[in-house]
Amino acid sequence: VTGEDCKIFGRPELKGAVDRAIESAGTDYDGLVDGVLYFKTGFLG
């Protein structure tokens, strides 16, 4: 599963991205294993 948190003119929250990834799996799940974290910039930085 994948979760993402993006902000323009601000700092995104890693917790938000993790929570979205877990929630996208369904209500039975409460964590992630074999995880990968990416930090991306876009739209002229």
PDB file of all heavy atoms in Angstrom:
ATOM      1  N   VAL A   1       0.848  -1.192   0.000  1.00  0.00           N
ATOM      2  CA  VAL A   1       0.000   0.000   0.000  1.00  0.00           C
ATOM      3  C   VAL A   1       0.880   1.237   0.000  1.00  0.00           C
ATOM      4  O   VAL A   1       2.062   1.181   0.351  1.00  0.00           O
ATOM      5  CB  VAL A   1      -0.952   0.016   1.220  1.00  0.00           C
ATOM      6  CG1 VAL A   1      -1.967  -1.105   1.126  1.00  0.00           C
ATOM      7  CG2 VAL A   1      -0.180  -0.076   2.522  1.00  0.00           C
ATOM      8  N   THR A   2       0.297   2.361  -0.379  1.00  0.00           N
ATOM      9  CA  THR A   2       1.019   3.622  -0.447  1.00  0.00           C
ATOM     10  C   THR A   2       0.178   4.725   0.183  1.00  0.00           C
ATOM     11  O   THR A   2      -1.041   4.759   0.013  1.00  0.00           O
ATOM     12  CB  THR A   2       1.319   4.000  -1.919  1.00  0.00           C
ATOM     13  OG1 THR A   2       2.066   2.945  -2.510  1.00  0.00           O
ATOM     14  CG2 THR A   2       2.110   5.280  -2.014  1.00  0.00           C
ATOM     15  N   GLY A   3       0.849   5.613   0.902  1.00  0.00           N
ATOM     16  CA  GLY A   3       0.201   6.794   1.459  1.00  0.00           C
ATOM     17  C   GLY A   3       1.067   8.009   1.189  1.00  0.00           C
ATOM     18  O   GLY A   3       2.291   7.897   1.100  1.00  0.00           O
ATOM     19  N   GLU A   4       0.433   9.171   1.066  1.00  0.00           N
ATOM     20  CA  GLU A   4       1.182  10.372   0.714  1.00  0.00           C
ATOM     21  C   GLU A   4       0.623  11.573   1.460  1.00  0.00           C
ATOM     22  O   GLU A   4      -0.582  11.658   1.702  1.00  0.00           O
ATOM     23  CB  GLU A   4       1.081  10.595  -0.797  1.00  0.00           C
ATOM     24  CG  GLU A   4       1.952  11.696  -1.331  1.00  0.00           C
ATOM     25  CD  GLU A   4       1.942  11.731  -2.843  1.00  0.00           C
ATOM     26  OE1 GLU A   4       0.924  12.155  -3.420  1.00  0.00           O
ATOM     27  OE2 GLU A   4       2.948  11.317  -3.429  1.00  0.00           O
ATOM     28  N   ASP A   5       1.501  12.487   1.838  1.00  0.00           N
ATOM     29  CA  ASP A   5       1.098  13.762   2.411  1.00  0.00           C
ATOM     30  C   ASP A   5       1.909  14.846   1.718  1.00  0.00           C
ATOM     31  O   ASP A   5       3.139  14.798   1.739  1.00  0.00           O
ATOM     32  CB  ASP A   5       1.331  13.796   3.922  1.00  0.00           C
ATOM     33  CG  ASP A   5       0.707  15.032   4.550  1.00  0.00           C
ATOM     34  OD1 ASP A   5      -0.476  15.305   4.260  1.00  0.00           O
ATOM     35  OD2 ASP A   5       1.391  15.729   5.314  1.00  0.00           O
ATOM     36  N   CYS A   6       1.235  15.794   1.073  1.00  0.00           N
ATOM     37  CA  CYS A   6       1.902  16.859   0.313  1.00  0.00           C
ATOM     38  C   CYS A   6       1.429  18.220   0.803  1.00  0.00           C
ATOM     39  O   CYS A   6       0.277  18.377   1.202  1.00  0.00           O
ATOM     40  CB  CYS A   6       1.573  16.744  -1.173  1.00  0.00           C
ATOM     41  SG  CYS A   6       2.189  15.241  -1.939  1.00  0.00           S
ATOM     42  N   LYS A   7       2.313  19.181   0.757  1.00  0.00           N
ATOM     43  CA  LYS A   7       1.978  20.559   1.121  1.00  0.00           C
ATOM     44  C   LYS A   7       2.643  21.512   0.135  1.00  0.00           C
ATOM     45  O   LYS A   7       3.766  21.296  -0.294  1.00  0.00           O
ATOM     46  CB  LYS A   7       2.490  20.894   2.517  1.00  0.00           C
ATOM     47  CG  LYS A   7       1.877  20.108   3.644  1.00  0.00           C
ATOM     48  CD  LYS A   7       0.563  20.683   4.054  1.00  0.00           C
ATOM     49  CE  LYS A   7      -0.011  20.146   5.330  1.00  0.00           C
ATOM     50  NZ  LYS A   7      -0.279  18.804   5.492  1.00  0.00           N
ATOM     51  N   ILE A   8       1.942  22.574  -0.206  1.00  0.00           N
ATOM     52  CA  ILE A   8       2.531  23.674  -0.961  1.00  0.00           C
ATOM     53  C   ILE A   8       2.770  24.787   0.050  1.00  0.00           C
ATOM     54  O   ILE A   8       1.890  25.106   0.848  1.00  0.00           O
ATOM     55  CB  ILE A   8       1.581  24.154  -2.080  1.00  0.00           C
ATOM     56  CG1 ILE A   8       1.359  23.023  -3.086  1.00  0.00           C
ATOM     57  CG2 ILE A   8       2.143  25.380  -2.777  1.00  0.00           C
ATOM     58  CD1 ILE A   8       0.395  23.354  -4.191  1.00  0.00           C
ATOM     59  N   PHE A   9       3.938  25.371   0.031  1.00  0.00           N
ATOM     60  CA  PHE A   9       4.330  26.426   0.976  1.00  0.00           C
ATOM     61  C   PHE A   9       4.274  25.936   2.419  1.00  0.00           C
ATOM     62  O   PHE A   9       3.855  26.639   3.313  1.00  0.00           O
ATOM     63  CB  PHE A   9       3.440  27.667   0.846  1.00  0.00           C
ATOM     64  CG  PHE A   9       3.470  28.309  -0.487  1.00  0.00           C
ATOM     65  CD1 PHE A   9       2.330  28.396  -1.256  1.00  0.00           C
ATOM     66  CD2 PHE A   9       4.640  28.832  -0.993  1.00  0.00           C
ATOM     67  CE1 PHE A   9       2.347  28.993  -2.494  1.00  0.00           C
ATOM     68  CE2 PHE A   9       4.673  29.435  -2.232  1.00  0.00           C
ATOM     69  CZ  PHE A   9       3.526  29.513  -2.987  1.00  0.00           C
ATOM     70  N   GLY A  10       4.645  24.718   2.670  1.00  0.00           N
ATOM     71  CA  GLY A  10       4.644  24.213   4.027  1.00  0.00           C
ATOM     72  C   GLY A  10       5.379  22.900   4.108  1.00  0.00           C
ATOM     73  O   GLY A  10       5.922  22.409   3.127  1.00  0.00           O
ATOM     74  N   ARG A  11       5.389  22.336   5.299  1.00  0.00           N
ATOM     75  CA  ARG A  11       6.083  21.077   5.515  1.00  0.00           C
ATOM     76  C   ARG A  11       5.062  19.956   5.664  1.00  0.00           C
ATOM     77  O   ARG A  11       4.181  20.027   6.533  1.00  0.00           O
ATOM     78  CB  ARG A  11       6.945  21.181   6.766  1.00  0.00           C
ATOM     79  CG  ARG A  11       7.772  19.954   7.000  1.00  0.00           C
ATOM     80  CD  ARG A  11       8.643  20.121   8.229  1.00  0.00           C
ATOM     81  NE  ARG A  11       9.446  18.949   8.372  1.00  0.00           N
ATOM     82  CZ  ARG A  11      10.747  18.942   8.239  1.00  0.00           C
ATOM     83  NH1 ARG A  11      11.383  20.047   7.970  1.00  0.00           N
ATOM     84  NH2 ARG A  11      11.425  17.837   8.387  1.00  0.00           N
ATOM     85  N   PRO A  12       5.144  18.932   4.834  1.00  0.00           N
ATOM     86  CA  PRO A  12       4.216  17.804   4.969  1.00  0.00           C
ATOM     87  C   PRO A  12       4.522  17.013   6.244  1.00  0.00           C
ATOM     88  O   PRO A  12       5.589  17.155   6.828  1.00  0.00           O
ATOM     89  CB  PRO A  12       4.499  16.966   3.725  1.00  0.00           C
ATOM     90  CG  PRO A  12       5.906  17.278   3.369  1.00  0.00           C
ATOM     91  CD  PRO A  12       6.128  18.706   3.776  1.00  0.00           C
ATOM     92  N   GLU A  13       3.570  16.197   6.654  1.00  0.00           N
ATOM     93  CA  GLU A  13       3.749  15.385   7.858  1.00  0.00           C
ATOM     94  C   GLU A  13       3.952  13.926   7.469  1.00  0.00           C
ATOM     95  O   GLU A  13       3.122  13.335   6.776  1.00  0.00           O
ATOM     96  CB  GLU A  13       2.537  15.516   8.767  1.00  0.00           C
ATOM     97  CG  GLU A  13       2.381  16.905   9.340  1.00  0.00           C
ATOM     98  CD  GLU A  13       1.216  16.993  10.302  1.00  0.00           C
ATOM     99  OE1 GLU A  13       0.726  15.938  10.761  1.00  0.00           O
ATOM    100  OE2 GLU A  13       0.801  18.110  10.595  1.00  0.00           O
ATOM    101  N   LEU A  14       5.043  13.359   7.941  1.00  0.00           N
ATOM    102  CA  LEU A  14       5.332  11.951   7.676  1.00  0.00           C
ATOM    103  C   LEU A  14       4.271  11.065   8.316  1.00  0.00           C
ATOM    104  O   LEU A  14       3.845  10.073   7.740  1.00  0.00           O
ATOM    105  CB  LEU A  14       6.729  11.604   8.187  1.00  0.00           C
ATOM    106  CG  LEU A  14       7.217  10.191   7.978  1.00  0.00           C
ATOM    107  CD1 LEU A  14       7.137   9.793   6.512  1.00  0.00           C
ATOM    108  CD2 LEU A  14       8.632  10.056   8.474  1.00  0.00           C
ATOM    109  N   LYS A  15       3.815  11.435   9.495  1.00  0.00           N
ATOM    110  CA  LYS A  15       2.781  10.661  10.177  1.00  0.00           C
ATOM    111  C   LYS A  15       1.517  10.566   9.327  1.00  0.00           C
ATOM    112  O   LYS A  15       0.879   9.523   9.249  1.00  0.00           O
ATOM    113  CB  LYS A  15       2.455  11.281  11.534  1.00  0.00           C
ATOM    114  CG  LYS A  15       1.412  10.503  12.323  1.00  0.00           C
ATOM    115  CD  LYS A  15       1.113  11.198  13.633  1.00  0.00           C
ATOM    116  CE  LYS A  15       0.104  10.499  14.504  1.00  0.00           C
ATOM    117  NZ  LYS A  15      -0.811   9.578  13.940  1.00  0.00           N
ATOM    118  N   GLY A  16       1.164  11.646   8.659  1.00  0.00           N
ATOM    119  CA  GLY A  16      -0.009  11.639   7.788  1.00  0.00           C
ATOM    120  C   GLY A  16       0.143  10.650   6.652  1.00  0.00           C
ATOM    121  O   GLY A  16      -0.797   9.930   6.302  1.00  0.00           O
ATOM    122  N   ALA A  17       1.335  10.589   6.060  1.00  0.00           N
ATOM    123  CA  ALA A  17       1.582   9.653   4.960  1.00  0.00           C
ATOM    124  C   ALA A  17       1.517   8.208   5.454  1.00  0.00           C
ATOM    125  O   ALA A  17       0.937   7.343   4.795  1.00  0.00           O
ATOM    126  CB  ALA A  17       2.938   9.943   4.317  1.00  0.00           C
ATOM    127  N   VAL A  18       2.089   7.935   6.626  1.00  0.00           N
ATOM    128  CA  VAL A  18       2.047   6.575   7.193  1.00  0.00           C
ATOM    129  C   VAL A  18       0.610   6.191   7.516  1.00  0.00           C
ATOM    130  O   VAL A  18       0.156   5.089   7.185  1.00  0.00           O
ATOM    131  CB  VAL A  18       2.945   6.477   8.447  1.00  0.00           C
ATOM    132  CG1 VAL A  18       2.748   5.146   9.156  1.00  0.00           C
ATOM    133  CG2 VAL A  18       4.408   6.679   8.086  1.00  0.00           C
ATOM    134  N   ASP A  19      -0.123   7.096   8.159  1.00  0.00           N
ATOM    135  CA  ASP A  19      -1.517   6.812   8.501  1.00  0.00           C
ATOM    136  C   ASP A  19      -2.354   6.536   7.259  1.00  0.00           C
ATOM    137  O   ASP A  19      -3.165   5.617   7.239  1.00  0.00           O
ATOM    138  CB  ASP A  19      -2.127   7.975   9.286  1.00  0.00           C
ATOM    139  CG  ASP A  19      -1.584   8.081  10.704  1.00  0.00           C
ATOM    140  OD1 ASP A  19      -0.938   7.114  11.172  1.00  0.00           O
ATOM    141  OD2 ASP A  19      -1.805   9.132  11.334  1.00  0.00           O
ATOM    142  N   ARG A  20      -2.162   7.302   6.198  1.00  0.00           N
ATOM    143  CA  ARG A  20      -2.924   7.091   4.965  1.00  0.00           C
ATOM    144  C   ARG A  20      -2.603   5.735   4.336  1.00  0.00           C
ATOM    145  O   ARG A  20      -3.483   5.058   3.806  1.00  0.00           O
ATOM    146  CB  ARG A  20      -2.656   8.219   3.979  1.00  0.00           C
ATOM    147  CG  ARG A  20      -3.365   9.491   4.350  1.00  0.00           C
ATOM    148  CD  ARG A  20      -3.199  10.579   3.287  1.00  0.00           C
ATOM    149  NE  ARG A  20      -3.830  11.797   3.744  1.00  0.00           N
ATOM    150  CZ  ARG A  20      -3.199  12.772   4.394  1.00  0.00           C
ATOM    151  NH1 ARG A  20      -1.921  12.682   4.645  1.00  0.00           N
ATOM    152  NH2 ARG A  20      -3.850  13.843   4.781  1.00  0.00           N
ATOM    153  N   ALA A  21      -1.340   5.344   4.389  1.00  0.00           N
ATOM    154  CA  ALA A  21      -0.959   4.041   3.835  1.00  0.00           C
ATOM    155  C   ALA A  21      -1.633   2.910   4.611  1.00  0.00           C
ATOM    156  O   ALA A  21      -2.201   1.993   4.019  1.00  0.00           O
ATOM    157  CB  ALA A  21       0.556   3.873   3.852  1.00  0.00           C
ATOM    158  N   ILE A  22      -1.590   2.981   5.931  1.00  0.00           N
ATOM    159  CA  ILE A  22      -2.212   1.936   6.762  1.00  0.00           C
ATOM    160  C   ILE A  22      -3.720   1.912   6.545  1.00  0.00           C
ATOM    161  O   ILE A  22      -4.326   0.851   6.366  1.00  0.00           O
ATOM    162  CB  ILE A  22      -1.868   2.140   8.253  1.00  0.00           C
ATOM    163  CG1 ILE A  22      -0.370   1.954   8.481  1.00  0.00           C
ATOM    164  CG2 ILE A  22      -2.668   1.190   9.133  1.00  0.00           C
ATOM    165  CD1 ILE A  22       0.116   2.405   9.837  1.00  0.00           C
ATOM    166  N   GLU A  23      -4.346   3.087   6.534  1.00  0.00           N
ATOM    167  CA  GLU A  23      -5.796   3.158   6.365  1.00  0.00           C
ATOM    168  C   GLU A  23      -6.244   2.669   4.989  1.00  0.00           C
ATOM    169  O   GLU A  23      -7.337   2.130   4.845  1.00  0.00           O
ATOM    170  CB  GLU A  23      -6.276   4.590   6.601  1.00  0.00           C
ATOM    171  CG  GLU A  23      -6.165   5.008   8.057  1.00  0.00           C
ATOM    172  CD  GLU A  23      -6.265   6.517   8.265  1.00  0.00           C
ATOM    173  OE1 GLU A  23      -6.470   7.258   7.264  1.00  0.00           O
ATOM    174  OE2 GLU A  23      -6.122   6.951   9.413  1.00  0.00           O
ATOM    175  N   SER A  24      -5.398   2.821   3.971  1.00  0.00           N
ATOM    176  CA  SER A  24      -5.773   2.365   2.629  1.00  0.00           C
ATOM    177  C   SER A  24      -5.811   0.847   2.535  1.00  0.00           C
ATOM    178  O   SER A  24      -6.433   0.296   1.630  1.00  0.00           O
ATOM    179  CB  SER A  24      -4.814   2.932   1.580  1.00  0.00           C
ATOM    180  OG  SER A  24      -3.559   2.285   1.639  1.00  0.00           O
ATOM    181  N   ALA A  25      -5.164   0.155   3.483  1.00  0.00           N
ATOM    182  CA  ALA A  25      -5.166  -1.309   3.484  1.00  0.00           C
ATOM    183  C   ALA A  25      -6.475  -1.870   4.040  1.00  0.00           C
ATOM    184  O   ALA A  25      -6.852  -2.992   3.729  1.00  0.00           O
ATOM    185  CB  ALA A  25      -4.000  -1.836   4.304  1.00  0.00           C
ATOM    186  N   GLY A  26      -7.157  -1.104   4.867  1.00  0.00           N
ATOM    187  CA  GLY A  26      -8.407  -1.559   5.466  1.00  0.00           C
ATOM    188  C   GLY A  26      -8.371  -1.414   6.974  1.00  0.00           C
ATOM    189  O   GLY A  26      -7.320  -1.164   7.575  1.00  0.00           O
ATOM    190  N   THR A  27      -9.518  -1.626   7.598  1.00  0.00           N
ATOM    191  CA  THR A  27      -9.630  -1.411   9.042  1.00  0.00           C
ATOM    192  C   THR A  27      -8.962  -2.510   9.866  1.00  0.00           C
ATOM    193  O   THR A  27      -8.730  -2.326  11.054  1.00  0.00           O
ATOM    194  CB  THR A  27     -11.114  -1.310   9.456  1.00  0.00           C
ATOM    195  OG1 THR A  27     -11.791  -2.499   9.029  1.00  0.00           O
ATOM    196  CG2 THR A  27     -11.769  -0.098   8.822  1.00  0.00           C
ATOM    197  N   ASP A  28      -8.662  -3.653   9.264  1.00  0.00           N
ATOM    198  CA  ASP A  28      -8.030  -4.747  10.004  1.00  0.00           C
ATOM    199  C   ASP A  28      -6.550  -4.509  10.253  1.00  0.00           C
ATOM    200  O   ASP A  28      -5.957  -5.168  11.104  1.00  0.00           O
ATOM    201  CB  ASP A  28      -8.175  -6.065   9.237  1.00  0.00           C
ATOM    202  CG  ASP A  28      -9.609  -6.551   9.202  1.00  0.00           C
ATOM    203  OD1 ASP A  28     -10.402  -6.111  10.058  1.00  0.00           O
ATOM    204  OD2 ASP A  28      -9.934  -7.350   8.314  1.00  0.00           O
ATOM    205  N   TYR A  29      -5.943  -3.602   9.537  1.00  0.00           N
ATOM    206  CA  TYR A  29      -4.478  -3.428   9.592  1.00  0.00           C
ATOM    207  C   TYR A  29      -4.089  -2.249  10.478  1.00  0.00           C
ATOM    208  O   TYR A  29      -4.800  -1.251  10.548  1.00  0.00           O
ATOM    209  CB  TYR A  29      -3.924  -3.263   8.178  1.00  0.00           C
ATOM    210  CG  TYR A  29      -4.181  -4.489   7.339  1.00  0.00           C
ATOM    211  CD1 TYR A  29      -5.249  -4.545   6.459  1.00  0.00           C
ATOM    212  CD2 TYR A  29      -3.377  -5.608   7.459  1.00  0.00           C
ATOM    213  CE1 TYR A  29      -5.506  -5.673   5.715  1.00  0.00           C
ATOM    214  CE2 TYR A  29      -3.622  -6.746   6.712  1.00  0.00           C
ATOM    215  CZ  TYR A  29      -4.686  -6.774   5.846  1.00  0.00           C
ATOM    216  OH  TYR A  29      -4.928  -7.903   5.113  1.00  0.00           O
ATOM    217  N   ASP A  30      -2.943  -2.422  11.161  1.00  0.00           N
ATOM    218  CA  ASP A  30      -2.501  -1.375  12.087  1.00  0.00           C
ATOM    219  C   ASP A  30      -1.011  -1.047  11.989  1.00  0.00           C
ATOM    220  O   ASP A  30      -0.463  -0.372  12.844  1.00  0.00           O
ATOM    221  CB  ASP A  30      -2.854  -1.755  13.526  1.00  0.00           C
ATOM    222  CG  ASP A  30      -2.275  -3.103  13.936  1.00  0.00           C
ATOM    223  OD1 ASP A  30      -1.541  -3.712  13.143  1.00  0.00           O
ATOM    224  OD2 ASP A  30      -2.570  -3.541  15.058  1.00  0.00           O
ATOM    225  N   GLY A  31      -0.342  -1.510  10.965  1.00  0.00           N
ATOM    226  CA  GLY A  31       1.078  -1.209  10.807  1.00  0.00           C
ATOM    227  C   GLY A  31       1.567  -1.546   9.414  1.00  0.00           C
ATOM    228  O   GLY A  31       0.811  -2.044   8.574  1.00  0.00           O
ATOM    229  N   LEU A  32       2.853  -1.261   9.177  1.00  0.00           N
ATOM    230  CA  LEU A  32       3.500  -1.564   7.901  1.00  0.00           C
ATOM    231  C   LEU A  32       4.829  -2.250   8.162  1.00  0.00           C
ATOM    232  O   LEU A  32       5.509  -1.941   9.137  1.00  0.00           O
ATOM    233  CB  LEU A  32       3.784  -0.284   7.113  1.00  0.00           C
ATOM    234  CG  LEU A  32       2.624   0.567   6.644  1.00  0.00           C
ATOM    235  CD1 LEU A  32       3.143   1.849   6.008  1.00  0.00           C
ATOM    236  CD2 LEU A  32       1.774  -0.198   5.640  1.00  0.00           C
ATOM    237  N   VAL A  33       5.191  -3.172   7.301  1.00  0.00           N
ATOM    238  CA  VAL A  33       6.532  -3.769   7.318  1.00  0.00           C
ATOM    239  C   VAL A  33       7.115  -3.625   5.917  1.00  0.00           C
ATOM    240  O   VAL A  33       6.391  -3.371   4.954  1.00  0.00           O
ATOM    241  CB  VAL A  33       6.527  -5.257   7.755  1.00  0.00           C
ATOM    242  CG1 VAL A  33       6.096  -5.396   9.206  1.00  0.00           C
ATOM    243  CG2 VAL A  33       5.648  -6.099   6.853  1.00  0.00           C
ATOM    244  N   ASP A  34       8.413  -3.834   5.812  1.00  0.00           N
ATOM    245  CA  ASP A  34       9.122  -3.698   4.535  1.00  0.00           C
ATOM    246  C   ASP A  34       8.827  -2.339   3.899  1.00  0.00           C
ATOM    247  O   ASP A  34       8.603  -2.221   2.708  1.00  0.00           O
ATOM    248  CB  ASP A  34       8.740  -4.815   3.552  1.00  0.00           C
ATOM    249  CG  ASP A  34       9.041  -6.191   4.117  1.00  0.00           C
ATOM    250  OD1 ASP A  34       9.996  -6.283   4.901  1.00  0.00           O
ATOM    251  OD2 ASP A  34       8.335  -7.144   3.781  1.00  0.00           O
ATOM    252  N   GLY A  35       8.823  -1.302   4.717  1.00  0.00           N
ATOM    253  CA  GLY A  35       8.444   0.028   4.267  1.00  0.00           C
ATOM    254  C   GLY A  35       9.568   0.790   3.591  1.00  0.00           C
ATOM    255  O   GLY A  35      10.749   0.541   3.819  1.00  0.00           O
ATOM    256  N   VAL A  36       9.160   1.713   2.753  1.00  0.00           N
ATOM    257  CA  VAL A  36      10.079   2.619   2.069  1.00  0.00           C
ATOM    258  C   VAL A  36       9.496   4.023   2.186  1.00  0.00           C
ATOM    259  O   VAL A  36       8.294   4.216   2.018  1.00  0.00           O
ATOM    260  CB  VAL A  36      10.231   2.247   0.574  1.00  0.00           C
ATOM    261  CG1 VAL A  36      11.191   3.193  -0.116  1.00  0.00           C
ATOM    262  CG2 VAL A  36      10.703   0.817   0.414  1.00  0.00           C
ATOM    263  N   LEU A  37      10.351   4.990   2.475  1.00  0.00           N
ATOM    264  CA  LEU A  37       9.943   6.381   2.602  1.00  0.00           C
ATOM    265  C   LEU A  37      10.610   7.200   1.508  1.00  0.00           C
ATOM    266  O   LEU A  37      11.814   7.082   1.282  1.00  0.00           O
ATOM    267  CB  LEU A  37      10.354   6.927   3.975  1.00  0.00           C
ATOM    268  CG  LEU A  37      10.315   8.429   4.154  1.00  0.00           C
ATOM    269  CD1 LEU A  37       8.888   8.934   4.118  1.00  0.00           C
ATOM    270  CD2 LEU A  37      10.991   8.820   5.445  1.00  0.00           C
ATOM    271  N   TYR A  38       9.816   8.022   0.835  1.00  0.00           N
ATOM    272  CA  TYR A  38      10.344   8.924  -0.189  1.00  0.00           C
ATOM    273  C   TYR A  38      10.002  10.355   0.192  1.00  0.00           C
ATOM    274  O   TYR A  38       8.916  10.625   0.706  1.00  0.00           O
ATOM    275  CB  TYR A  38       9.699   8.648  -1.557  1.00  0.00           C
ATOM    276  CG  TYR A  38       9.949   7.272  -2.096  1.00  0.00           C
ATOM    277  CD1 TYR A  38       9.010   6.257  -1.936  1.00  0.00           C
ATOM    278  CD2 TYR A  38      11.115   6.969  -2.777  1.00  0.00           C
ATOM    279  CE1 TYR A  38       9.230   4.990  -2.433  1.00  0.00           C
ATOM    280  CE2 TYR A  38      11.349   5.697  -3.276  1.00  0.00           C
ATOM    281  CZ  TYR A  38      10.403   4.724  -3.104  1.00  0.00           C
ATOM    282  OH  TYR A  38      10.621   3.471  -3.592  1.00  0.00           O
ATOM    283  N   PHE A  39      10.932  11.271  -0.060  1.00  0.00           N
ATOM    284  CA  PHE A  39      10.667  12.703   0.084  1.00  0.00           C
ATOM    285  C   PHE A  39      10.838  13.310  -1.296  1.00  0.00           C
ATOM    286  O   PHE A  39      11.877  13.151  -1.925  1.00  0.00           O
ATOM    287  CB  PHE A  39      11.632  13.362   1.074  1.00  0.00           C
ATOM    288  CG  PHE A  39      11.381  14.833   1.246  1.00  0.00           C
ATOM    289  CD1 PHE A  39      10.291  15.269   1.966  1.00  0.00           C
ATOM    290  CD2 PHE A  39      12.227  15.760   0.670  1.00  0.00           C
ATOM    291  CE1 PHE A  39      10.039  16.628   2.110  1.00  0.00           C
ATOM    292  CE2 PHE A  39      11.993  17.117   0.811  1.00  0.00           C
ATOM    293  CZ  PHE A  39      10.896  17.553   1.536  1.00  0.00           C
ATOM    294  N   LYS A  40       9.814  13.971  -1.772  1.00  0.00           N
ATOM    295  CA  LYS A  40       9.839  14.521  -3.131  1.00  0.00           C
ATOM    296  C   LYS A  40       9.539  16.013  -3.091  1.00  0.00           C
ATOM    297  O   LYS A  40       8.768  16.475  -2.244  1.00  0.00           O
ATOM    298  CB  LYS A  40       8.779  13.836  -3.997  1.00  0.00           C
ATOM    299  CG  LYS A  40       8.931  12.348  -4.108  1.00  0.00           C
ATOM    300  CD  LYS A  40       7.758  11.754  -4.878  1.00  0.00           C
ATOM    301  CE  LYS A  40       7.821  10.253  -4.863  1.00  0.00           C
ATOM    302  NZ  LYS A  40       6.646   9.632  -5.482  1.00  0.00           N
ATOM    303  N   THR A  41      10.144  16.743  -4.005  1.00  0.00           N
ATOM    304  CA  THR A  41       9.797  18.144  -4.201  1.00  0.00           C
ATOM    305  C   THR A  41       9.330  18.312  -5.634  1.00  0.00           C
ATOM    306  O   THR A  41       9.740  17.587  -6.530  1.00  0.00           O
ATOM    307  CB  THR A  41      10.988  19.079  -3.940  1.00  0.00           C
ATOM    308  OG1 THR A  41      12.054  18.711  -4.804  1.00  0.00           O
ATOM    309  CG2 THR A  41      11.449  18.997  -2.505  1.00  0.00           C
ATOM    310  N   GLY A  42       8.468  19.257  -5.831  1.00  0.00           N
ATOM    311  CA  GLY A  42       7.958  19.497  -7.167  1.00  0.00           C
ATOM    312  C   GLY A  42       7.393  20.889  -7.287  1.00  0.00           C
ATOM    313  O   GLY A  42       7.421  21.680  -6.334  1.00  0.00           O
ATOM    314  N   PHE A  43       6.856  21.201  -8.433  1.00  0.00           N
ATOM    315  CA  PHE A  43       6.262  22.499  -8.719  1.00  0.00           C
ATOM    316  C   PHE A  43       7.197  23.632  -8.325  1.00  0.00           C
ATOM    317  O   PHE A  43       6.946  24.394  -7.402  1.00  0.00           O
ATOM    318  CB  PHE A  43       4.896  22.642  -8.033  1.00  0.00           C
ATOM    319  CG  PHE A  43       4.110  23.831  -8.503  1.00  0.00           C
ATOM    320  CD1 PHE A  43       3.681  23.919  -9.805  1.00  0.00           C
ATOM    321  CD2 PHE A  43       3.814  24.858  -7.636  1.00  0.00           C
ATOM    322  CE1 PHE A  43       2.963  25.016 -10.239  1.00  0.00           C
ATOM    323  CE2 PHE A  43       3.104  25.954  -8.058  1.00  0.00           C
ATOM    324  CZ  PHE A  43       2.677  26.033  -9.369  1.00  0.00           C
ATOM    325  N   LEU A  44       8.341  23.668  -8.984  1.00  0.00           N
ATOM    326  CA  LEU A  44       9.363  24.701  -8.777  1.00  0.00           C
ATOM    327  C   LEU A  44       9.910  24.720  -7.355  1.00  0.00           C
ATOM    328  O   LEU A  44      10.306  25.750  -6.837  1.00  0.00           O
ATOM    329  CB  LEU A  44       8.811  26.089  -9.150  1.00  0.00           C
ATOM    330  CG  LEU A  44       8.275  26.234 -10.572  1.00  0.00           C
ATOM    331  CD1 LEU A  44       7.614  27.583 -10.759  1.00  0.00           C
ATOM    332  CD2 LEU A  44       9.392  26.041 -11.594  1.00  0.00           C
ATOM    333  N   GLY A  45       9.897  23.578  -6.702  1.00  0.00           N
ATOM    334  CA  GLY A  45      10.422  23.492  -5.340  1.00  0.00           C
ATOM    335  C   GLY A  45       9.472  23.991  -4.275  1.00  0.00           C
ATOM    336  O   GLY A  45       9.838  24.089  -3.106  1.00  0.00           O
TER     337      GLY A  45
END
